[in-house]
Amino acid sequence: MKHLLTTLALLAATAAHAEETQVAVAANFTEPATEIAELFAAATGHSARLSFGSSGQFLAQITQGAPFEVFLSADDTRPTKTVEDGLAVEGTQFTYALGTLVLYSTEADLVTGPDTLEAASFEKIAIADPKSAPYGAAAVQTMESLGVYEALTPRVVQGQSIAQTFQFVDTGNAALGFVALSQVIKAEGGSRWVVPGEMHEPIRQDAVLLKTGAENEAAKAFLEFLRGPEARKVIESFGYAVDPVAEPAAG
């Protein structure tokens, strides 16, 4: 009985100190973030409430006072801007994942490689908004490097985020599209071409602790957990690369 009471007291103490953090997550990272949040809750007792969307939209919301405490962007420039603008804690920014762009179609034989873009035997190609979504910017850079962007521009349909871009392709509203490898790595069927990294700027996805979460133990713990072995294993399972050592960026 004494042992049971001690255990219950420890559980009560843990629950009393458990906190929740509000996390803004780039849409391409939806599935791995969901898995990581579950592991985080089990390991720490804290919880992470995740919101998904485009990095550009999140930056605008953060600038306008949205109550996010952690920002997981699809690029490194927007977290850097939050630090420069005094909205994030200096020294907490780091690259949690390196994204991979893929040209994808639900049709089995449509995508065979860059020749698919050159042949242009399709009506619509989906990309994320290059102004707000880093994967969209990488898609434009890829088409430009192949010399086909100008010709394909009339066929481009833009999603507000990489999640909406994938929906365009998945529902057949676009024959193919540039999406994140993480969105299709576990999908069966279809056809795809993994875009070589040299065709676009690296998609360095950075995380940062926002000043709204500076005193929240759950926010700080979530970022620490994101850099740990359990989270890194999940990240790699979705086709992302990770830095050998995820050190905080200096400013």
C-alpha atoms as a PDB file:
ATOM      1  CA  MET A   1       0.000   0.000   0.000  1.00  0.00           C
ATOM      2  CA  LYS A   2       2.829   2.371   0.889  1.00  0.00           C
ATOM      3  CA  HIS A   3       4.469   1.698  -2.507  1.00  0.00           C
ATOM      4  CA  LEU A   4       1.164   2.369  -4.307  1.00  0.00           C
ATOM      5  CA  LEU A   5       0.695   5.668  -2.499  1.00  0.00           C
ATOM      6  CA  THR A   6       4.247   6.708  -3.383  1.00  0.00           C
ATOM      7  CA  THR A   7       3.671   5.870  -7.045  1.00  0.00           C
ATOM      8  CA  LEU A   8       0.394   7.798  -7.106  1.00  0.00           C
ATOM      9  CA  ALA A   9       2.097  10.773  -5.475  1.00  0.00           C
ATOM     10  CA  LEU A  10       4.842  10.751  -8.117  1.00  0.00           C
ATOM     11  CA  LEU A  11       2.281  10.552 -10.912  1.00  0.00           C
ATOM     12  CA  ALA A  12       0.328  13.420  -9.386  1.00  0.00           C
ATOM     13  CA  ALA A  13       3.483  15.512  -9.105  1.00  0.00           C
ATOM     14  CA  THR A  14       4.365  14.808 -12.740  1.00  0.00           C
ATOM     15  CA  ALA A  15       0.865  15.754 -13.886  1.00  0.00           C
ATOM     16  CA  ALA A  16       1.002  18.947 -11.852  1.00  0.00           C
ATOM     17  CA  HIS A  17       4.179  20.017 -13.630  1.00  0.00           C
ATOM     18  CA  ALA A  18       3.038  18.950 -17.118  1.00  0.00           C
ATOM     19  CA  GLU A  19       2.507  21.837 -19.487  1.00  0.00           C
ATOM     20  CA  GLU A  20       1.248  22.346 -23.022  1.00  0.00           C
ATOM     21  CA  THR A  21       2.990  24.206 -25.824  1.00  0.00           C
ATOM     22  CA  GLN A  22       1.535  25.720 -28.981  1.00  0.00           C
ATOM     23  CA  VAL A  23       3.590  24.694 -32.027  1.00  0.00           C
ATOM     24  CA  ALA A  24       3.332  26.125 -35.546  1.00  0.00           C
ATOM     25  CA  VAL A  25       4.382  23.374 -37.965  1.00  0.00           C
ATOM     26  CA  ALA A  26       5.110  23.629 -41.693  1.00  0.00           C
ATOM     27  CA  ALA A  27       2.525  21.584 -43.601  1.00  0.00           C
ATOM     28  CA  ASN A  28       5.086  19.244 -45.164  1.00  0.00           C
ATOM     29  CA  PHE A  29       6.030  18.068 -41.673  1.00  0.00           C
ATOM     30  CA  THR A  30       2.486  17.124 -40.603  1.00  0.00           C
ATOM     31  CA  GLU A  31       2.856  13.364 -40.248  1.00  0.00           C
ATOM     32  CA  PRO A  32       6.292  13.235 -38.614  1.00  0.00           C
ATOM     33  CA  ALA A  33       5.352  16.064 -36.242  1.00  0.00           C
ATOM     34  CA  THR A  34       2.232  14.178 -35.187  1.00  0.00           C
ATOM     35  CA  GLU A  35       4.273  11.063 -34.408  1.00  0.00           C
ATOM     36  CA  ILE A  36       6.920  13.088 -32.594  1.00  0.00           C
ATOM     37  CA  ALA A  37       4.292  14.873 -30.476  1.00  0.00           C
ATOM     38  CA  GLU A  38       2.913  11.508 -29.351  1.00  0.00           C
ATOM     39  CA  LEU A  39       6.379  10.269 -28.396  1.00  0.00           C
ATOM     40  CA  PHE A  40       7.084  13.580 -26.651  1.00  0.00           C
ATOM     41  CA  ALA A  41       3.936  13.304 -24.530  1.00  0.00           C
ATOM     42  CA  ALA A  42       4.762   9.735 -23.554  1.00  0.00           C
ATOM     43  CA  ALA A  43       8.358  10.589 -22.656  1.00  0.00           C
ATOM     44  CA  THR A  44       7.857  13.868 -20.804  1.00  0.00           C
ATOM     45  CA  GLY A  45       4.238  14.180 -19.720  1.00  0.00           C
ATOM     46  CA  HIS A  46       4.070  17.518 -21.540  1.00  0.00           C
ATOM     47  CA  SER A  47       1.837  17.968 -24.579  1.00  0.00           C
ATOM     48  CA  ALA A  48       2.300  19.788 -27.863  1.00  0.00           C
ATOM     49  CA  ARG A  49      -0.706  21.281 -29.629  1.00  0.00           C
ATOM     50  CA  LEU A  50       0.185  21.370 -33.308  1.00  0.00           C
ATOM     51  CA  SER A  51      -1.100  23.762 -35.956  1.00  0.00           C
ATOM     52  CA  PHE A  52      -0.246  23.108 -39.614  1.00  0.00           C
ATOM     53  CA  GLY A  53       0.092  25.553 -42.494  1.00  0.00           C
ATOM     54  CA  SER A  54       2.479  27.418 -44.749  1.00  0.00           C
ATOM     55  CA  SER A  55       5.617  28.924 -43.229  1.00  0.00           C
ATOM     56  CA  GLY A  56       4.889  32.325 -44.756  1.00  0.00           C
ATOM     57  CA  GLN A  57       1.420  32.468 -43.257  1.00  0.00           C
ATOM     58  CA  PHE A  58       2.743  31.429 -39.874  1.00  0.00           C
ATOM     59  CA  LEU A  59       5.389  34.149 -39.941  1.00  0.00           C
ATOM     60  CA  ALA A  60       2.693  36.730 -40.644  1.00  0.00           C
ATOM     61  CA  GLN A  61       0.583  35.404 -37.772  1.00  0.00           C
ATOM     62  CA  ILE A  62       3.539  35.362 -35.387  1.00  0.00           C
ATOM     63  CA  THR A  63       4.348  38.954 -36.346  1.00  0.00           C
ATOM     64  CA  GLN A  64       0.746  39.890 -35.562  1.00  0.00           C
ATOM     65  CA  GLY A  65       0.888  38.327 -32.106  1.00  0.00           C
ATOM     66  CA  ALA A  66      -0.370  34.769 -32.620  1.00  0.00           C
ATOM     67  CA  PRO A  67       0.194  32.744 -29.431  1.00  0.00           C
ATOM     68  CA  PHE A  68       2.572  30.174 -30.918  1.00  0.00           C
ATOM     69  CA  GLU A  69       5.541  29.288 -28.729  1.00  0.00           C
ATOM     70  CA  VAL A  70       7.558  27.086 -31.093  1.00  0.00           C
ATOM     71  CA  PHE A  71       7.982  27.559 -34.849  1.00  0.00           C
ATOM     72  CA  LEU A  72       8.898  24.626 -37.105  1.00  0.00           C
ATOM     73  CA  SER A  73       9.378  26.248 -40.483  1.00  0.00           C
ATOM     74  CA  ALA A  74       9.916  24.699 -43.914  1.00  0.00           C
ATOM     75  CA  ASP A  75      12.917  26.972 -44.421  1.00  0.00           C
ATOM     76  CA  ASP A  76      15.648  28.693 -42.434  1.00  0.00           C
ATOM     77  CA  THR A  77      14.979  32.292 -43.459  1.00  0.00           C
ATOM     78  CA  ARG A  78      11.722  32.789 -41.593  1.00  0.00           C
ATOM     79  CA  PRO A  79      12.986  31.516 -38.219  1.00  0.00           C
ATOM     80  CA  THR A  80      16.029  33.759 -38.729  1.00  0.00           C
ATOM     81  CA  LYS A  81      13.680  36.692 -39.287  1.00  0.00           C
ATOM     82  CA  THR A  82      11.828  35.996 -36.046  1.00  0.00           C
ATOM     83  CA  VAL A  83      15.151  36.192 -34.226  1.00  0.00           C
ATOM     84  CA  GLU A  84      16.184  39.384 -36.048  1.00  0.00           C
ATOM     85  CA  ASP A  85      12.812  40.989 -35.271  1.00  0.00           C
ATOM     86  CA  GLY A  86      13.041  40.147 -31.580  1.00  0.00           C
ATOM     87  CA  LEU A  87      10.203  37.607 -31.709  1.00  0.00           C
ATOM     88  CA  ALA A  88      12.322  34.530 -30.947  1.00  0.00           C
ATOM     89  CA  VAL A  89      14.969  33.584 -28.420  1.00  0.00           C
ATOM     90  CA  GLU A  90      18.447  34.112 -29.812  1.00  0.00           C
ATOM     91  CA  GLY A  91      20.578  30.974 -29.964  1.00  0.00           C
ATOM     92  CA  THR A  92      17.656  28.511 -30.111  1.00  0.00           C
ATOM     93  CA  GLN A  93      17.410  28.190 -33.901  1.00  0.00           C
ATOM     94  CA  PHE A  94      18.576  24.918 -35.466  1.00  0.00           C
ATOM     95  CA  THR A  95      17.932  22.759 -38.532  1.00  0.00           C
ATOM     96  CA  TYR A  96      15.660  19.881 -37.591  1.00  0.00           C
ATOM     97  CA  ALA A  97      15.268  18.422 -41.105  1.00  0.00           C
ATOM     98  CA  LEU A  98      16.546  18.730 -44.655  1.00  0.00           C
ATOM     99  CA  GLY A  99      13.622  18.457 -47.060  1.00  0.00           C
ATOM    100  CA  THR A 100      13.453  16.537 -50.325  1.00  0.00           C
ATOM    101  CA  LEU A 101      11.367  17.679 -53.285  1.00  0.00           C
ATOM    102  CA  VAL A 102       9.610  15.121 -55.475  1.00  0.00           C
ATOM    103  CA  LEU A 103       7.555  15.315 -58.671  1.00  0.00           C
ATOM    104  CA  TYR A 104       4.591  13.026 -58.038  1.00  0.00           C
ATOM    105  CA  SER A 105       1.506  11.698 -59.793  1.00  0.00           C
ATOM    106  CA  THR A 106      -1.107   9.153 -58.800  1.00  0.00           C
ATOM    107  CA  GLU A 107      -0.886   7.835 -62.371  1.00  0.00           C
ATOM    108  CA  ALA A 108       1.491   4.894 -62.520  1.00  0.00           C
ATOM    109  CA  ASP A 109       3.401   5.807 -65.677  1.00  0.00           C
ATOM    110  CA  LEU A 110       3.107   9.581 -65.917  1.00  0.00           C
ATOM    111  CA  VAL A 111       6.248  10.676 -64.065  1.00  0.00           C
ATOM    112  CA  THR A 112       9.452   9.166 -65.419  1.00  0.00           C
ATOM    113  CA  GLY A 113      11.934  11.960 -64.675  1.00  0.00           C
ATOM    114  CA  PRO A 114      12.757  15.450 -65.945  1.00  0.00           C
ATOM    115  CA  ASP A 115      11.637  14.337 -69.409  1.00  0.00           C
ATOM    116  CA  THR A 116       8.054  14.381 -68.079  1.00  0.00           C
ATOM    117  CA  LEU A 117       8.297  18.143 -67.660  1.00  0.00           C
ATOM    118  CA  GLU A 118       9.974  18.606 -71.015  1.00  0.00           C
ATOM    119  CA  ALA A 119       7.331  16.567 -72.846  1.00  0.00           C
ATOM    120  CA  ALA A 120       4.522  18.427 -71.005  1.00  0.00           C
ATOM    121  CA  SER A 121       1.848  15.865 -71.853  1.00  0.00           C
ATOM    122  CA  PHE A 122      -0.444  17.034 -69.073  1.00  0.00           C
ATOM    123  CA  GLU A 123      -2.894  19.879 -68.488  1.00  0.00           C
ATOM    124  CA  LYS A 124      -2.075  20.993 -64.953  1.00  0.00           C
ATOM    125  CA  ILE A 125       0.917  20.802 -62.631  1.00  0.00           C
ATOM    126  CA  ALA A 126       0.578  21.754 -58.974  1.00  0.00           C
ATOM    127  CA  ILE A 127       3.121  23.610 -56.873  1.00  0.00           C
ATOM    128  CA  ALA A 128       2.923  25.350 -53.521  1.00  0.00           C
ATOM    129  CA  ASP A 129       2.864  29.147 -53.528  1.00  0.00           C
ATOM    130  CA  PRO A 130       6.557  30.008 -54.003  1.00  0.00           C
ATOM    131  CA  LYS A 131       6.125  33.263 -52.077  1.00  0.00           C
ATOM    132  CA  SER A 132       5.036  31.575 -48.863  1.00  0.00           C
ATOM    133  CA  ALA A 133       6.079  27.916 -49.166  1.00  0.00           C
ATOM    134  CA  PRO A 134       9.753  26.931 -49.550  1.00  0.00           C
ATOM    135  CA  TYR A 135       8.840  23.762 -51.434  1.00  0.00           C
ATOM    136  CA  GLY A 136       7.050  25.941 -53.967  1.00  0.00           C
ATOM    137  CA  ALA A 137      10.146  28.094 -54.400  1.00  0.00           C
ATOM    138  CA  ALA A 138      12.214  24.926 -54.883  1.00  0.00           C
ATOM    139  CA  ALA A 139       9.733  23.717 -57.519  1.00  0.00           C
ATOM    140  CA  VAL A 140      10.119  26.944 -59.491  1.00  0.00           C
ATOM    141  CA  GLN A 141      13.910  26.744 -59.218  1.00  0.00           C
ATOM    142  CA  THR A 142      13.812  23.157 -60.489  1.00  0.00           C
ATOM    143  CA  MET A 143      11.725  24.060 -63.522  1.00  0.00           C
ATOM    144  CA  GLU A 144      13.968  27.043 -64.220  1.00  0.00           C
ATOM    145  CA  SER A 145      17.075  24.848 -64.036  1.00  0.00           C
ATOM    146  CA  LEU A 146      15.490  22.567 -66.650  1.00  0.00           C
ATOM    147  CA  GLY A 147      14.537  25.537 -68.831  1.00  0.00           C
ATOM    148  CA  VAL A 148      10.815  24.650 -68.803  1.00  0.00           C
ATOM    149  CA  TYR A 149       9.304  27.099 -66.321  1.00  0.00           C
ATOM    150  CA  GLU A 150       8.221  29.742 -68.829  1.00  0.00           C
ATOM    151  CA  ALA A 151       6.536  27.151 -71.023  1.00  0.00           C
ATOM    152  CA  LEU A 152       4.787  25.468 -68.089  1.00  0.00           C
ATOM    153  CA  THR A 153       3.639  28.632 -66.295  1.00  0.00           C
ATOM    154  CA  PRO A 154       0.147  28.616 -67.933  1.00  0.00           C
ATOM    155  CA  ARG A 155      -0.373  25.077 -66.597  1.00  0.00           C
ATOM    156  CA  VAL A 156       0.704  25.776 -63.027  1.00  0.00           C
ATOM    157  CA  VAL A 157      -1.888  25.700 -60.249  1.00  0.00           C
ATOM    158  CA  GLN A 158      -0.773  26.915 -56.835  1.00  0.00           C
ATOM    159  CA  GLY A 159      -1.723  25.570 -53.447  1.00  0.00           C
ATOM    160  CA  GLN A 160      -1.579  27.855 -50.425  1.00  0.00           C
ATOM    161  CA  SER A 161       0.595  25.238 -48.719  1.00  0.00           C
ATOM    162  CA  ILE A 162       2.334  22.012 -49.632  1.00  0.00           C
ATOM    163  CA  ALA A 163      -0.581  20.142 -48.014  1.00  0.00           C
ATOM    164  CA  GLN A 164      -3.096  21.732 -50.390  1.00  0.00           C
ATOM    165  CA  THR A 165      -0.715  21.122 -53.296  1.00  0.00           C
ATOM    166  CA  PHE A 166      -0.671  17.429 -52.476  1.00  0.00           C
ATOM    167  CA  GLN A 167      -4.483  17.426 -52.324  1.00  0.00           C
ATOM    168  CA  PHE A 168      -4.622  18.844 -55.860  1.00  0.00           C
ATOM    169  CA  VAL A 169      -2.567  15.893 -57.085  1.00  0.00           C
ATOM    170  CA  ASP A 170      -4.181  13.262 -54.880  1.00  0.00           C
ATOM    171  CA  THR A 171      -7.711  14.212 -55.991  1.00  0.00           C
ATOM    172  CA  GLY A 172      -6.799  14.443 -59.672  1.00  0.00           C
ATOM    173  CA  ASN A 173      -7.346  18.192 -59.947  1.00  0.00           C
ATOM    174  CA  ALA A 174      -3.765  18.294 -61.228  1.00  0.00           C
ATOM    175  CA  ALA A 175      -2.158  15.432 -63.126  1.00  0.00           C
ATOM    176  CA  LEU A 176       1.086  15.830 -61.208  1.00  0.00           C
ATOM    177  CA  GLY A 177       2.812  18.187 -58.832  1.00  0.00           C
ATOM    178  CA  PHE A 178       5.879  19.041 -56.823  1.00  0.00           C
ATOM    179  CA  VAL A 179       5.368  17.862 -53.253  1.00  0.00           C
ATOM    180  CA  ALA A 180       7.485  16.859 -50.272  1.00  0.00           C
ATOM    181  CA  LEU A 181       8.894  13.353 -50.298  1.00  0.00           C
ATOM    182  CA  SER A 182       7.563  12.951 -46.766  1.00  0.00           C
ATOM    183  CA  GLN A 183       4.003  13.188 -48.120  1.00  0.00           C
ATOM    184  CA  VAL A 184       4.372  10.267 -50.518  1.00  0.00           C
ATOM    185  CA  ILE A 185       7.169   8.120 -49.108  1.00  0.00           C
ATOM    186  CA  LYS A 186       4.661   5.657 -47.670  1.00  0.00           C
ATOM    187  CA  ALA A 187       2.164   5.902 -50.534  1.00  0.00           C
ATOM    188  CA  GLU A 188       1.665   2.859 -52.723  1.00  0.00           C
ATOM    189  CA  GLY A 189       1.419   3.119 -56.497  1.00  0.00           C
ATOM    190  CA  GLY A 190       1.645   6.254 -58.589  1.00  0.00           C
ATOM    191  CA  SER A 191       4.874   7.499 -60.096  1.00  0.00           C
ATOM    192  CA  ARG A 192       7.531   9.887 -58.871  1.00  0.00           C
ATOM    193  CA  TRP A 193      10.862  11.521 -59.536  1.00  0.00           C
ATOM    194  CA  VAL A 194      13.001  12.560 -56.595  1.00  0.00           C
ATOM    195  CA  VAL A 195      14.490  15.898 -57.626  1.00  0.00           C
ATOM    196  CA  PRO A 196      18.298  16.073 -57.308  1.00  0.00           C
ATOM    197  CA  GLY A 197      19.286  18.555 -54.628  1.00  0.00           C
ATOM    198  CA  GLU A 198      21.514  20.552 -56.973  1.00  0.00           C
ATOM    199  CA  MET A 199      18.475  21.705 -58.960  1.00  0.00           C
ATOM    200  CA  HIS A 200      17.286  24.003 -56.184  1.00  0.00           C
ATOM    201  CA  GLU A 201      18.481  25.690 -53.041  1.00  0.00           C
ATOM    202  CA  PRO A 202      18.695  23.368 -50.015  1.00  0.00           C
ATOM    203  CA  ILE A 203      15.435  23.066 -48.131  1.00  0.00           C
ATOM    204  CA  ARG A 204      16.789  23.580 -44.628  1.00  0.00           C
ATOM    205  CA  GLN A 205      13.878  23.353 -42.216  1.00  0.00           C
ATOM    206  CA  ASP A 206      14.641  25.265 -39.035  1.00  0.00           C
ATOM    207  CA  ALA A 207      13.002  25.339 -35.641  1.00  0.00           C
ATOM    208  CA  VAL A 208      13.126  28.173 -33.121  1.00  0.00           C
ATOM    209  CA  LEU A 209      11.796  28.982 -29.665  1.00  0.00           C
ATOM    210  CA  LEU A 210       9.565  32.042 -29.810  1.00  0.00           C
ATOM    211  CA  LYS A 211       9.698  34.537 -26.958  1.00  0.00           C
ATOM    212  CA  THR A 212       6.096  33.702 -26.083  1.00  0.00           C
ATOM    213  CA  GLY A 213       7.396  30.264 -25.044  1.00  0.00           C
ATOM    214  CA  ALA A 214      10.593  31.367 -23.330  1.00  0.00           C
ATOM    215  CA  GLU A 215       9.200  30.554 -19.878  1.00  0.00           C
ATOM    216  CA  ASN A 216       7.212  27.490 -20.907  1.00  0.00           C
ATOM    217  CA  GLU A 217       8.983  24.284 -19.900  1.00  0.00           C
ATOM    218  CA  ALA A 218       6.964  22.289 -22.429  1.00  0.00           C
ATOM    219  CA  ALA A 219       8.089  24.525 -25.292  1.00  0.00           C
ATOM    220  CA  LYS A 220      11.748  24.207 -24.343  1.00  0.00           C
ATOM    221  CA  ALA A 221      11.407  20.474 -23.763  1.00  0.00           C
ATOM    222  CA  PHE A 222       9.741  19.965 -27.150  1.00  0.00           C
ATOM    223  CA  LEU A 223      12.642  21.567 -28.992  1.00  0.00           C
ATOM    224  CA  GLU A 224      15.106  19.487 -26.990  1.00  0.00           C
ATOM    225  CA  PHE A 225      13.136  16.337 -27.781  1.00  0.00           C
ATOM    226  CA  LEU A 226      13.057  17.278 -31.480  1.00  0.00           C
ATOM    227  CA  ARG A 227      16.852  17.121 -31.500  1.00  0.00           C
ATOM    228  CA  GLY A 228      16.989  13.762 -29.750  1.00  0.00           C
ATOM    229  CA  PRO A 229      17.355  10.239 -31.144  1.00  0.00           C
ATOM    230  CA  GLU A 230      13.660   9.268 -30.993  1.00  0.00           C
ATOM    231  CA  ALA A 231      12.568  12.285 -33.027  1.00  0.00           C
ATOM    232  CA  ARG A 232      15.456  12.005 -35.470  1.00  0.00           C
ATOM    233  CA  LYS A 233      14.523   8.387 -36.183  1.00  0.00           C
ATOM    234  CA  VAL A 234      10.980   9.479 -37.081  1.00  0.00           C
ATOM    235  CA  ILE A 235      12.262  12.349 -39.227  1.00  0.00           C
ATOM    236  CA  GLU A 236      14.505  10.057 -41.252  1.00  0.00           C
ATOM    237  CA  SER A 237      11.721   7.501 -41.688  1.00  0.00           C
ATOM    238  CA  PHE A 238       9.773  10.103 -43.671  1.00  0.00           C
ATOM    239  CA  GLY A 239      12.568  10.695 -46.156  1.00  0.00           C
ATOM    240  CA  TYR A 240      14.189  13.734 -44.584  1.00  0.00           C
ATOM    241  CA  ALA A 241      17.886  14.021 -43.919  1.00  0.00           C
ATOM    242  CA  VAL A 242      19.152  15.345 -40.596  1.00  0.00           C
ATOM    243  CA  ASP A 243      22.328  17.182 -39.742  1.00  0.00           C
ATOM    244  CA  PRO A 244      24.905  14.936 -38.036  1.00  0.00           C
ATOM    245  CA  VAL A 245      24.777  17.341 -35.096  1.00  0.00           C
ATOM    246  CA  ALA A 246      21.865  19.759 -34.812  1.00  0.00           C
ATOM    247  CA  GLU A 247      23.626  22.641 -33.120  1.00  0.00           C
ATOM    248  CA  PRO A 248      21.758  25.874 -32.353  1.00  0.00           C
ATOM    249  CA  ALA A 249      22.389  28.660 -34.837  1.00  0.00           C
ATOM    250  CA  ALA A 250      24.145  31.724 -33.515  1.00  0.00           C
ATOM    251  CA  GLY A 251      21.394  34.275 -33.840  1.00  0.00           C
END
